[in-house]
Protein backbone atom coordinates (compact mmCIF):
# COMPACT_ATOMS: atom_id res chain seq x y z
CA MET A 1 0.00 0.00 0.00
CA ASN A 2 1.37 3.43 -0.85
CA ARG A 3 2.49 5.26 2.32
CA ALA A 4 1.47 8.58 0.70
CA ILE A 5 -2.16 7.42 0.84
CA GLY A 6 -1.93 6.85 4.59
CA THR A 7 -0.36 10.27 5.06
CA TRP A 8 -3.10 11.89 2.94
CA ALA A 9 -5.83 10.18 4.97
CA LEU A 10 -4.15 11.16 8.23
CA LEU A 11 -3.92 14.79 7.15
CA LEU A 12 -7.58 14.74 6.20
CA ALA A 13 -8.49 13.29 9.59
CA LEU A 14 -6.42 15.95 11.39
CA LEU A 15 -8.06 18.73 9.41
CA LEU A 16 -11.48 17.40 10.27
CA ALA A 17 -10.52 17.11 13.95
CA ILE A 18 -9.20 20.64 14.37
CA ALA A 19 -11.79 22.35 12.14
CA PRO A 20 -15.17 20.78 12.89
CA ALA A 21 -17.02 23.91 11.83
CA ALA A 22 -15.52 23.79 8.33
CA ALA A 23 -16.16 20.07 8.09
CA ALA A 24 -19.78 20.63 8.96
CA ASP A 25 -20.19 22.57 5.72
CA LEU A 26 -19.07 19.65 3.53
CA GLY A 27 -22.57 18.20 3.20
CA PRO A 28 -25.98 19.70 2.68
CA ASN A 29 -27.14 18.08 5.95
CA GLN A 30 -24.00 19.14 7.86
CA HIS A 31 -22.52 15.67 7.49
CA LEU A 32 -19.07 15.01 8.96
CA ILE A 33 -16.65 12.84 6.99
CA PRO A 34 -15.33 10.18 9.38
CA GLU A 35 -11.66 9.76 10.14
CA LEU A 36 -10.35 7.52 7.34
CA ARG A 37 -8.00 4.90 8.78
CA VAL A 38 -5.87 3.39 5.99
CA ASN A 39 -4.61 -0.16 6.45
CA GLU A 40 -1.41 -0.29 4.41
CA SER A 41 -1.27 -4.07 4.60
CA ILE A 42 -4.32 -4.35 2.35
CA GLU A 43 -3.29 -5.18 -1.22
CA ALA A 44 -5.11 -3.59 -4.13
CA ILE A 45 -7.40 -6.01 -5.96
CA VAL A 46 -8.78 -6.11 -9.49
CA ILE A 47 -12.54 -5.99 -10.13
CA SER A 48 -14.56 -6.53 -13.30
CA ALA A 49 -17.90 -4.85 -12.49
CA GLU A 50 -19.16 -1.56 -11.11
CA LEU A 51 -19.53 -1.07 -7.36
CA SER A 52 -23.22 -1.19 -6.45
CA LEU A 53 -24.54 -0.12 -3.08
CA GLN A 54 -25.83 -2.97 -0.90
CA PRO A 55 -28.15 -2.34 2.10
CA GLU A 56 -27.06 -5.67 3.60
CA TRP A 57 -23.40 -6.05 2.67
CA ASP A 58 -21.89 -9.46 3.40
CA GLY A 59 -18.27 -8.27 3.31
CA SER A 60 -17.51 -9.53 -0.20
CA VAL A 61 -16.43 -7.03 -2.83
CA THR A 62 -18.15 -9.15 -5.50
CA THR A 63 -21.52 -8.06 -4.13
CA GLY A 64 -20.72 -4.32 -4.03
CA ILE A 65 -20.12 -1.92 -1.16
CA PRO A 66 -22.17 -1.13 1.96
CA PHE A 67 -24.53 1.78 2.39
CA GLY A 68 -22.70 4.72 3.97
CA ALA A 69 -19.36 3.78 2.33
CA VAL A 70 -16.69 6.40 1.67
CA MET A 71 -14.82 6.04 -1.62
CA VAL A 72 -11.50 7.80 -2.22
CA HIS A 73 -9.99 8.04 -5.73
CA THR A 74 -6.30 8.62 -5.03
CA ALA A 75 -3.66 10.26 -7.20
CA ASN A 76 -1.89 6.94 -7.87
CA ALA A 77 -4.88 5.32 -9.68
CA THR A 78 -6.02 3.37 -6.61
CA THR A 79 -9.53 3.53 -5.19
CA LEU A 80 -9.92 3.05 -1.42
CA ILE A 81 -13.21 1.90 0.12
CA PHE A 82 -14.08 2.71 3.75
CA ASP A 83 -17.21 1.97 5.78
CA ARG A 84 -19.31 4.73 7.36
CA ASP A 85 -17.04 4.66 10.43
CA GLY A 86 -13.82 5.19 8.39
CA ASN A 87 -12.56 1.59 8.55
CA HIS A 88 -10.55 0.58 5.50
CA LEU A 89 -12.40 -2.29 3.77
CA PHE A 90 -10.41 -2.89 0.56
CA SER A 91 -8.44 -1.17 -2.21
CA ILE A 92 -8.89 -1.43 -6.01
CA ASP A 93 -6.33 -1.05 -8.78
CA ASP A 94 -8.05 1.25 -11.29
CA GLU A 95 -5.66 0.64 -14.18
CA ARG A 96 -5.94 -3.16 -14.06
CA SER A 97 -9.66 -3.29 -13.39
CA ALA A 98 -12.27 -3.54 -16.14
CA LYS A 99 -13.51 -0.60 -18.22
CA ILE A 100 -17.27 -0.19 -18.54
CA PRO A 101 -19.14 1.74 -21.28
CA THR A 102 -21.34 4.50 -19.91
CA PRO A 103 -24.66 5.69 -21.42
CA ALA A 104 -22.71 8.60 -22.92
CA GLY A 105 -20.66 6.15 -24.96
CA VAL A 106 -17.44 6.65 -22.99
CA GLU A 107 -15.50 3.82 -21.36
CA LYS A 108 -14.53 4.44 -17.72
CA PRO A 109 -12.93 2.31 -14.99
CA CYS A 110 -15.63 0.42 -13.15
CA THR A 111 -14.68 2.24 -9.93
CA ARG A 112 -15.95 5.42 -11.62
CA VAL A 113 -19.37 3.98 -12.44
CA HIS A 114 -21.82 4.12 -9.53
CA PRO A 115 -25.27 2.52 -9.86
CA LEU A 116 -27.51 4.40 -7.42
CA PRO A 117 -30.99 3.68 -6.05
CA ASN A 118 -33.96 5.43 -7.63
CA ASP A 119 -34.77 8.89 -6.21
CA SER A 120 -31.22 9.34 -4.91
CA ARG A 121 -29.97 12.90 -4.51
CA VAL A 122 -26.42 13.88 -5.43
CA TYR A 123 -24.63 16.97 -4.09
CA HIS A 124 -21.15 18.29 -4.85
CA HIS A 125 -19.08 20.37 -2.47
CA GLY A 126 -15.37 21.20 -2.88
CA GLY A 127 -14.38 18.05 -4.76
CA VAL A 128 -16.53 15.78 -2.56
CA MET A 129 -19.73 14.17 -3.81
CA PHE A 130 -22.46 13.17 -1.36
CA VAL A 131 -25.24 10.78 -2.34
CA PHE A 132 -28.36 10.78 -0.17
CA GLY A 133 -31.17 8.29 -0.27
CA THR A 134 -34.87 8.98 0.10
CA ALA A 135 -34.69 8.69 3.88
CA GLY A 136 -32.36 11.70 4.22
CA GLU A 137 -29.18 11.60 6.26
CA PRO A 138 -26.66 10.14 6.64
CA PRO A 139 -25.27 9.83 3.07
CA ILE A 140 -25.48 6.40 1.47
CA LEU A 141 -22.22 7.13 -0.41
CA THR A 142 -19.44 9.72 -0.14
CA ILE A 143 -16.90 10.07 -2.97
CA ILE A 144 -13.66 12.01 -2.56
CA ASP A 145 -11.71 12.51 -5.79
CA GLU A 146 -8.04 13.40 -5.41
CA SER A 147 -6.90 11.99 -8.75
CA PRO A 148 -5.46 14.42 -11.31
CA LYS A 149 -7.91 15.53 -13.95
CA PRO A 150 -7.19 13.88 -17.32
CA ASP A 151 -6.27 16.04 -20.28
CA GLU A 152 -9.37 16.10 -22.41
CA GLU A 153 -8.95 15.50 -26.12
CA PRO A 154 -10.57 18.19 -28.26
CA ILE A 155 -13.61 17.50 -30.40
CA THR A 156 -12.60 17.05 -34.05
CA ILE A 157 -14.84 17.21 -37.11
CA GLU A 158 -14.07 15.72 -40.52
CA ILE A 159 -16.28 16.67 -43.47
CA THR A 160 -15.93 14.05 -46.19
CA SER A 161 -18.57 15.10 -48.73
CA LEU A 162 -17.33 18.66 -49.33
CA HIS A 163 -13.96 20.36 -49.61
CA GLU A 164 -12.88 23.96 -49.11
CA GLY A 165 -13.41 26.09 -52.21
CA GLY A 166 -15.28 23.31 -54.02
CA VAL A 167 -17.99 23.67 -56.67
CA ALA A 168 -21.35 21.91 -56.56
CA TRP A 169 -23.45 21.65 -59.74
CA ILE A 170 -27.17 21.35 -59.04
CA ASP A 171 -29.91 20.98 -61.66
CA VAL A 172 -32.92 20.80 -59.31
CA ALA A 173 -34.77 23.38 -57.24
CA PRO A 174 -34.74 24.13 -54.39
CA ALA A 175 -31.01 23.53 -54.27
CA HIS A 176 -29.64 21.21 -51.55
CA VAL A 177 -26.22 19.70 -50.87
CA ALA A 178 -25.38 16.58 -48.90
CA VAL A 179 -23.11 17.13 -45.91
CA ALA A 180 -21.47 14.01 -44.44
CA GLY A 181 -18.55 13.31 -42.15
CA GLU A 182 -17.45 12.09 -38.77
CA VAL A 183 -17.11 13.59 -35.28
CA HIS A 184 -14.52 12.42 -32.77
CA ALA A 185 -15.67 13.34 -29.24
CA PRO A 186 -14.06 11.50 -26.27
CA ALA A 187 -17.03 12.43 -24.05
CA GLY A 188 -19.56 11.16 -26.61
CA VAL A 189 -21.59 13.05 -29.21
CA HIS A 190 -24.63 14.92 -27.91
CA SER A 191 -25.67 16.61 -31.16
CA VAL A 192 -24.52 17.52 -34.66
CA VAL A 193 -26.11 20.39 -36.59
CA VAL A 194 -25.29 21.89 -39.98
CA ARG A 195 -25.79 25.58 -40.72
CA SER A 196 -26.21 27.02 -44.19
CA GLY A 197 -27.00 30.71 -44.24
CA SER A 198 -29.86 31.28 -41.80
CA VAL A 199 -30.98 27.62 -41.89
CA GLU A 200 -29.92 25.03 -39.30
CA VAL A 201 -30.48 21.30 -39.84
CA SER A 202 -30.09 18.61 -37.15
CA CYS A 203 -27.91 15.62 -38.11
CA GLY A 204 -28.57 13.54 -34.98
CA ASN A 205 -26.13 12.49 -32.29
CA ALA A 206 -24.06 9.73 -33.94
CA ALA A 207 -20.33 9.94 -34.55
CA GLU A 208 -20.94 9.53 -38.30
CA PHE A 209 -23.36 12.11 -39.66
CA ALA A 210 -25.09 12.78 -42.99
CA CYS A 211 -27.86 15.22 -43.83
CA SER A 212 -29.06 17.50 -46.62
CA VAL A 213 -29.05 21.28 -46.22
CA PRO A 214 -30.51 24.01 -48.46
CA VAL A 215 -28.11 26.29 -50.33
CA SER A 216 -28.34 29.21 -52.72
CA PHE A 217 -26.70 29.57 -56.11
CA GLY A 218 -23.39 31.34 -55.79
CA LYS A 219 -21.12 31.38 -52.77
CA ASN A 220 -22.20 29.53 -49.61
CA THR A 221 -20.69 28.90 -46.19
CA ILE A 222 -21.49 25.51 -44.61
CA THR A 223 -20.78 25.13 -40.88
CA VAL A 224 -20.90 21.86 -38.92
CA VAL A 225 -21.35 22.29 -35.16
CA ALA A 226 -20.73 19.30 -32.85
CA THR A 227 -21.56 19.27 -29.12
CA ASP A 228 -20.38 16.54 -26.76
CA ASN A 229 -22.10 15.20 -23.64
CA ARG A 230 -20.21 17.72 -21.48
CA ARG A 231 -21.63 20.56 -23.58
CA HIS A 232 -18.28 21.33 -25.18
CA ARG A 233 -18.57 22.49 -28.79
CA ALA A 234 -16.50 22.52 -31.94
CA GLU A 235 -17.15 23.94 -35.40
CA LYS A 236 -15.79 23.37 -38.89
CA THR A 237 -16.61 25.58 -41.88
CA VAL A 238 -16.40 24.91 -45.61
CA ASN A 239 -16.85 27.55 -48.32
CA LEU A 240 -18.70 26.26 -51.37
CA THR A 241 -19.81 27.68 -54.73
CA VAL A 242 -23.10 26.33 -56.07
CA ARG A 243 -23.71 26.49 -59.82
CA SER A 244 -26.88 25.74 -61.73
CA GLY A 245 -26.98 22.93 -64.26
CA ILE A 246 -25.29 19.65 -65.02
CA PRO A 247 -21.53 19.70 -64.34
CA PRO A 248 -19.33 19.68 -67.45
CA PRO A 249 -16.98 16.71 -67.82
CA LEU A 250 -13.30 16.69 -67.02
CA ILE A 251 -11.37 15.86 -70.19
CA ALA A 252 -7.80 14.72 -70.76
CA VAL A 253 -5.61 16.02 -73.56
CA SER A 254 -2.14 14.83 -74.51
CA GLY A 255 0.17 15.74 -77.34
CA ARG A 256 3.49 17.10 -78.46
CA VAL A 257 4.80 20.67 -78.85
CA THR A 258 7.31 21.11 -81.70
CA ASP A 259 8.91 23.92 -83.67
CA ALA A 260 8.42 24.58 -87.37
CA GLY A 261 11.03 21.95 -88.19
CA GLY A 262 9.34 19.24 -86.13
CA SER A 263 11.87 19.28 -83.28
CA PRO A 264 10.48 18.96 -79.75
CA VAL A 265 10.18 22.07 -77.58
CA PRO A 266 10.89 21.12 -73.95
CA GLY A 267 9.91 23.30 -71.00
CA ALA A 268 6.95 24.93 -72.75
CA LEU A 269 4.00 25.92 -70.54
CA VAL A 270 0.73 24.53 -71.90
CA ARG A 271 -2.44 26.06 -70.43
CA PHE A 272 -6.01 24.87 -71.02
CA GLU A 273 -8.57 27.49 -69.96
CA SER A 274 -12.24 26.53 -69.71
CA VAL A 275 -15.11 28.70 -70.93
CA PHE A 276 -16.54 28.23 -67.42
CA ASP A 277 -15.31 30.39 -64.58
CA LEU A 278 -15.45 30.27 -60.80
CA GLY A 279 -16.50 33.54 -59.17
CA GLY A 280 -15.18 35.46 -62.16
CA GLU A 281 -11.86 33.62 -62.08
CA PRO A 282 -10.94 31.37 -65.03
CA ILE A 283 -10.71 27.62 -64.45
CA ALA A 284 -7.43 26.43 -65.94
CA ALA A 285 -5.35 23.26 -66.11
CA MET A 286 -1.65 23.39 -66.95
CA ALA A 287 1.27 21.18 -67.87
CA VAL A 288 4.93 21.61 -68.88
CA THR A 289 6.41 19.74 -71.82
CA GLY A 290 9.13 17.19 -71.21
CA GLU A 291 12.40 16.71 -73.06
CA ASP A 292 10.51 15.02 -75.88
CA GLY A 293 8.05 17.92 -76.12
CA ARG A 294 5.15 15.85 -74.81
CA TYR A 295 2.53 17.09 -72.32
CA LEU A 296 -0.52 15.68 -70.55
CA VAL A 297 -3.45 17.61 -69.08
CA GLU A 298 -5.91 15.40 -67.19
CA ASP A 299 -8.40 17.78 -65.55
CA ALA A 300 -9.52 20.33 -68.12
CA LEU A 301 -13.15 21.33 -67.41
CA GLY A 302 -15.50 21.02 -70.40
CA TYR A 303 -15.11 20.38 -74.11
CA ARG A 304 -14.47 24.01 -75.13
CA GLN A 305 -10.99 25.19 -74.22
CA THR A 306 -8.69 28.09 -74.98
CA VAL A 307 -5.19 26.65 -75.35
CA THR A 308 -2.13 28.82 -74.72
CA VAL A 309 1.48 27.71 -75.19
CA GLU A 310 4.39 29.86 -73.99
CA LYS A 311 8.13 29.35 -74.32
CA GLU A 312 10.95 31.87 -74.30
CA GLY A 313 12.27 32.44 -77.79
CA TYR A 314 8.94 31.51 -79.41
CA SER A 315 5.83 33.48 -80.23
CA THR A 316 2.96 32.75 -77.83
CA LEU A 317 0.35 30.45 -79.31
CA ARG A 318 -3.28 31.07 -78.28
CA GLU A 319 -6.16 29.29 -79.97
CA GLU A 320 -9.66 27.97 -79.14
CA PHE A 321 -10.49 24.27 -79.55
CA THR A 322 -13.67 22.24 -79.14
CA PHE A 323 -12.98 18.63 -78.16
CA GLU A 324 -15.40 15.77 -78.71
CA ASN A 325 -14.10 13.04 -76.41
CA LEU A 326 -13.08 12.61 -72.79
CA THR A 327 -9.60 11.58 -73.95
CA ASN A 328 -8.04 13.60 -76.77
CA THR A 329 -4.80 14.18 -78.67
CA LEU A 330 -3.59 17.62 -79.76
CA ASP A 331 -0.16 18.42 -81.26
CA LEU A 332 0.91 22.07 -81.23
CA GLU A 333 3.54 24.00 -83.20
CA LEU A 334 5.44 27.05 -82.04
CA LYS A 335 7.08 29.64 -84.29
CA PRO A 336 10.27 31.43 -83.32
CA SER A 337 9.78 34.99 -82.19
CA SER A 338 11.20 37.78 -84.43
CA ARG A 339 14.47 39.15 -83.11
CA THR A 340 16.32 42.43 -83.81
CA VAL A 341 20.05 43.01 -83.58
CA PRO A 342 20.82 44.99 -80.45
CA GLY A 343 21.07 48.70 -81.31
CA PHE A 344 19.42 48.25 -84.73
CA GLY A 345 15.71 48.63 -84.37
CA SER A 346 13.13 49.56 -87.00
CA ALA A 347 13.84 53.28 -86.64
CA VAL A 348 17.52 52.69 -87.40
CA GLY A 349 16.53 50.69 -90.49
CA VAL A 350 14.36 53.56 -91.83
CA LEU A 351 17.14 56.09 -91.29
CA GLY A 352 19.57 53.80 -93.06
CA LEU A 353 17.26 53.53 -96.07
CA LEU A 354 16.82 57.32 -96.30
CA GLY A 355 20.58 57.80 -96.04
CA ALA A 356 21.19 55.36 -98.88
CA ARG A 357 18.78 57.26 -101.15
CA TRP A 358 20.48 60.58 -100.34
CA ILE A 359 23.90 59.16 -101.21
CA LEU A 360 22.59 57.71 -104.49
CA ARG A 361 20.96 61.03 -105.48
CA ASN A 362 24.17 63.01 -104.84
CA THR A 363 26.18 60.48 -106.80
CA LYS A 364 24.01 60.94 -109.90
CA LYS A 365 24.36 64.75 -109.74
CA GLN A 366 28.09 64.45 -109.96
C-alpha cells in the first residue's frame, strides 16, 4: 500500500478534527466525513464490475459496497473503500480493473461507475460528492476525488462530402447539398447540426453524420457544429460555390509541342482554360512539356478550351479548340519569335534607307 495514501488520509483526519465547523459545511445536511484509517497491509485487488450499493453487505467485494461507504480516488490510480465509520475495507487497482461503457458512450474504470438507487440525490461540495437516499441523512455514499484531472482531447470534425473552395453543380430546385462526415468526441456526441445561411439542420447524435441542407446559387458557407455530452462544442466551416446545371466533364488532352522543323520544344507551358469560370476567375489546367516535347493535361473542365502555349524564344500560341471526347490528342507547333540586332531597331533601319537614297541622289548629280 502506498504510504502517501496513509499520510493523505491522516492529514484529512487531522483537518477534520481541528476544524469541525468547516467540516460541517461539507454536506448539505452538515454531514461530517469520518476519520479515514488506511490499512497499508491491504493489497489492491482487481474488479470486473461496477460497485453497487448494498443495504445488507456481506463483506464480499463481488456483491458491491455497503450503504454509507466512503470512496476515495487517489492520485496513484487506486480507489480506497471505507465503511461509514472510516474503517478501510479494501483497495482497487483502477488501471488493471475492467472498463465499462457509460450511457454517454465513454469507457470508464468500473470504480468510476456508480449505480444508485432510484430517487437518490447527489450533491457536490469542494471536490466531494455526497449521495443521499430517500430517507435523508446520513449519506449512502461519499466520494472524494483526489486523482489528477485527465487532459481532455478536443472534439474534431471531418467533413468528407465537401472540400474547401469546391464547386457543386445542381440541376434541381430548391437547391440542396449533402453534408457528411465524422465527429470524434471523447465524451460522446450529444448533437450535430449543420448551418447554411440562416438555416440550421439537425444531423442527430451519432459519430458519423449525414444530412441535406438548403443552399443558394453562388457562394455559400457551410458550418458543422458538434456538441459533446459535457456541452463542449467545436465547429468546422467549408466555403462552397453552387452552380446551376449539369456539371461539365473533365477531359484529358495529350500531345506534343514542336517547332516549325518538327523538333520537340521542352519546357513549354501549356495552359487549357475553360469557358466556365469560378467567381469570375478562369478555371485552368496546366502542364509543362518534357524533353521530348510531350505534355498531358488530365483535368480540363469542359469540351471548349482556350489553349495557350508559352516558351521563351517563341511566339505565344493562343487558340480555341472544341474537343469531342473525354480523352483527346492535340499536337501544337510554335514559331520562333522575331528578333532584332541589339542597337538596330526599326527606326535605325528607316534612317539607313533614307541615307542610302540621299547618297545615291548626290552620286548621280556628280
